Protein backbone atom coordinates (compact mmCIF):
# COMPACT_ATOMS: atom_id res chain seq x y z
CA MET A 1 -5.69 -14.28 49.74
CA ALA A 2 -7.27 -11.78 47.39
CA LEU A 3 -10.71 -12.85 46.26
CA PRO A 4 -12.26 -12.04 42.90
CA THR A 5 -14.72 -9.18 43.05
CA VAL A 6 -17.88 -8.96 41.01
CA HIS A 7 -19.32 -5.58 39.99
CA PHE A 8 -22.74 -5.69 38.39
CA ARG A 9 -25.86 -3.78 37.58
CA VAL A 10 -29.39 -5.06 37.33
CA ASP A 11 -31.24 -4.03 34.18
CA PHE A 12 -35.00 -3.72 34.45
CA GLY A 13 -35.48 -3.04 30.75
CA ASP A 14 -35.90 0.04 28.58
CA GLY A 15 -32.75 1.72 29.90
CA HIS A 16 -33.69 1.35 33.57
CA ALA A 17 -30.89 -0.13 35.65
CA VAL A 18 -29.53 -0.10 39.18
CA GLY A 19 -25.87 -0.63 39.97
CA PRO A 20 -23.36 0.13 42.69
CA GLY A 21 -23.42 3.91 42.19
CA LYS A 22 -27.17 4.30 42.51
CA ILE A 23 -27.33 1.91 45.45
CA SER A 24 -24.55 3.83 47.20
CA LEU A 25 -26.43 7.07 46.60
CA LEU A 26 -29.56 5.58 48.19
CA GLU A 27 -27.55 4.35 51.18
CA HIS A 28 -26.07 7.81 51.72
CA ILE A 29 -29.49 9.43 51.46
CA ASP A 30 -30.77 6.97 54.04
CA GLU A 31 -27.85 7.70 56.38
CA GLY A 32 -27.91 11.49 56.12
CA GLY A 33 -31.49 12.31 55.16
CA SER A 34 -30.23 14.66 52.47
CA LEU A 35 -29.61 14.38 48.75
CA SER A 36 -27.12 17.25 48.81
CA GLN A 37 -25.18 15.67 51.68
CA ALA A 38 -25.19 12.31 49.90
CA ALA A 39 -23.80 14.02 46.80
CA ARG A 40 -21.03 15.67 48.83
CA ASP A 41 -20.19 12.40 50.58
CA LEU A 42 -19.85 10.68 47.20
CA ASP A 43 -17.91 13.59 45.64
CA MET A 44 -20.69 14.00 43.10
CA SER A 45 -22.43 17.11 41.88
CA TYR A 46 -25.87 17.76 43.30
CA ARG A 47 -27.20 17.87 39.74
CA ARG A 48 -25.84 14.38 39.01
CA ALA A 49 -27.24 12.99 42.27
CA TRP A 50 -30.62 14.54 41.49
CA GLN A 51 -30.57 13.01 37.97
CA LEU A 52 -29.75 9.55 39.35
CA LEU A 53 -32.51 9.77 41.94
CA LYS A 54 -34.98 11.03 39.34
CA SER A 55 -34.10 8.13 37.01
CA MET A 56 -34.58 5.59 39.81
CA ASN A 57 -37.95 7.07 40.76
CA ALA A 58 -38.98 6.88 37.09
CA SER A 59 -37.82 3.26 36.79
CA PHE A 60 -40.36 1.79 39.20
CA ARG A 61 -44.06 2.10 39.95
CA GLU A 62 -43.16 3.08 43.51
CA ARG A 63 -40.72 5.85 44.30
CA VAL A 64 -37.42 4.93 45.94
CA ALA A 65 -37.15 8.25 47.76
CA VAL A 66 -39.12 11.39 48.41
CA SER A 67 -37.62 14.82 48.87
CA CYS A 68 -38.66 18.14 50.33
CA LYS A 69 -37.44 21.45 49.01
CA GLY A 70 -34.95 23.32 51.14
CA GLY A 71 -35.43 26.68 52.69
CA ARG A 72 -35.97 27.94 56.20
CA GLY A 73 -37.24 24.66 57.57
CA GLY A 74 -34.59 22.79 55.67
CA GLY A 75 -35.16 20.21 53.03
CA GLY A 76 -34.29 16.62 52.99
CA ALA A 77 -34.76 13.29 51.35
CA THR A 78 -36.14 10.08 52.77
CA LEU A 79 -36.11 6.60 51.37
CA THR A 80 -39.42 4.87 50.96
CA ALA A 81 -39.98 1.33 52.16
CA PHE A 82 -39.53 0.28 48.54
CA GLY A 83 -36.19 2.12 48.33
CA LYS A 84 -34.97 0.31 51.42
CA GLU A 85 -36.09 -3.02 49.95
CA LEU A 86 -34.23 -2.22 46.74
CA ILE A 87 -31.00 -1.72 48.72
CA ARG A 88 -31.58 -4.92 50.74
CA SER A 89 -32.26 -6.97 47.61
CA TYR A 90 -29.26 -5.58 45.75
CA ARG A 91 -26.85 -6.08 48.66
CA ALA A 92 -28.10 -9.61 49.40
CA PHE A 93 -27.66 -10.55 45.75
CA GLU A 94 -24.19 -8.98 45.80
CA VAL A 95 -23.16 -11.18 48.75
CA GLU A 96 -24.44 -14.25 46.92
CA MET A 97 -22.54 -13.32 43.75
CA GLN A 98 -19.30 -12.61 45.63
CA GLY A 99 -19.52 -16.04 47.27
CA HIS A 100 -20.31 -17.68 43.96
CA ALA A 101 -17.35 -15.92 42.28
CA ALA A 102 -14.99 -17.03 45.07
CA ARG A 103 -16.06 -20.65 44.60
CA ARG A 104 -16.18 -20.58 40.80
CA PHE A 105 -12.78 -18.91 40.35
CA ARG A 106 -10.95 -20.72 43.18
CA LEU A 107 -8.75 -22.71 40.77
CA VAL A 108 -8.16 -19.74 38.49
CA LEU A 109 -7.17 -17.62 41.48
CA ARG A 110 -4.28 -19.98 42.18
CA ASN A 111 -2.69 -18.77 38.93
CA SER A 112 -3.33 -15.12 39.63
CA ARG A 113 -0.32 -12.94 40.38
CA HIS A 114 -2.20 -11.95 43.55
CA GLY A 115 -3.11 -15.50 44.63
CA PRO A 116 -1.50 -17.64 47.36
CA VAL A 117 1.26 -19.16 45.15
CA ALA A 118 2.47 -15.74 44.03
CA ARG A 119 2.67 -14.55 47.63
CA ARG A 120 4.74 -17.52 48.74
CA ARG A 121 7.22 -16.92 45.91
CA ALA A 122 7.52 -13.25 46.80
CA ARG A 123 8.69 -13.97 50.34
């Protein structure tokens, strides 16, 4: 059975928000240790990735990531402890909201063209 999916962003006021795109960027930075690699993995321009990271760092008192310039020794980006906590908090809340949506929309889902009744009729 297809379950309803919730997509959300968390607004922290004054135009500062975190949603699935920024969280995904942070996760890719954490996995690869590189902003440019994260941008490539997400099919995003480096400039856009840099802007998103800059906006996240400006949104909080603590930085979410730190970066080193490239060059001979290579560059890189590393999440701070706060950045990792931001991902954990967002993903935990996402799991809670997905479960809540599944319970709340259970009866509505029965009337969805993708719900269990529709599948039985299609057979």
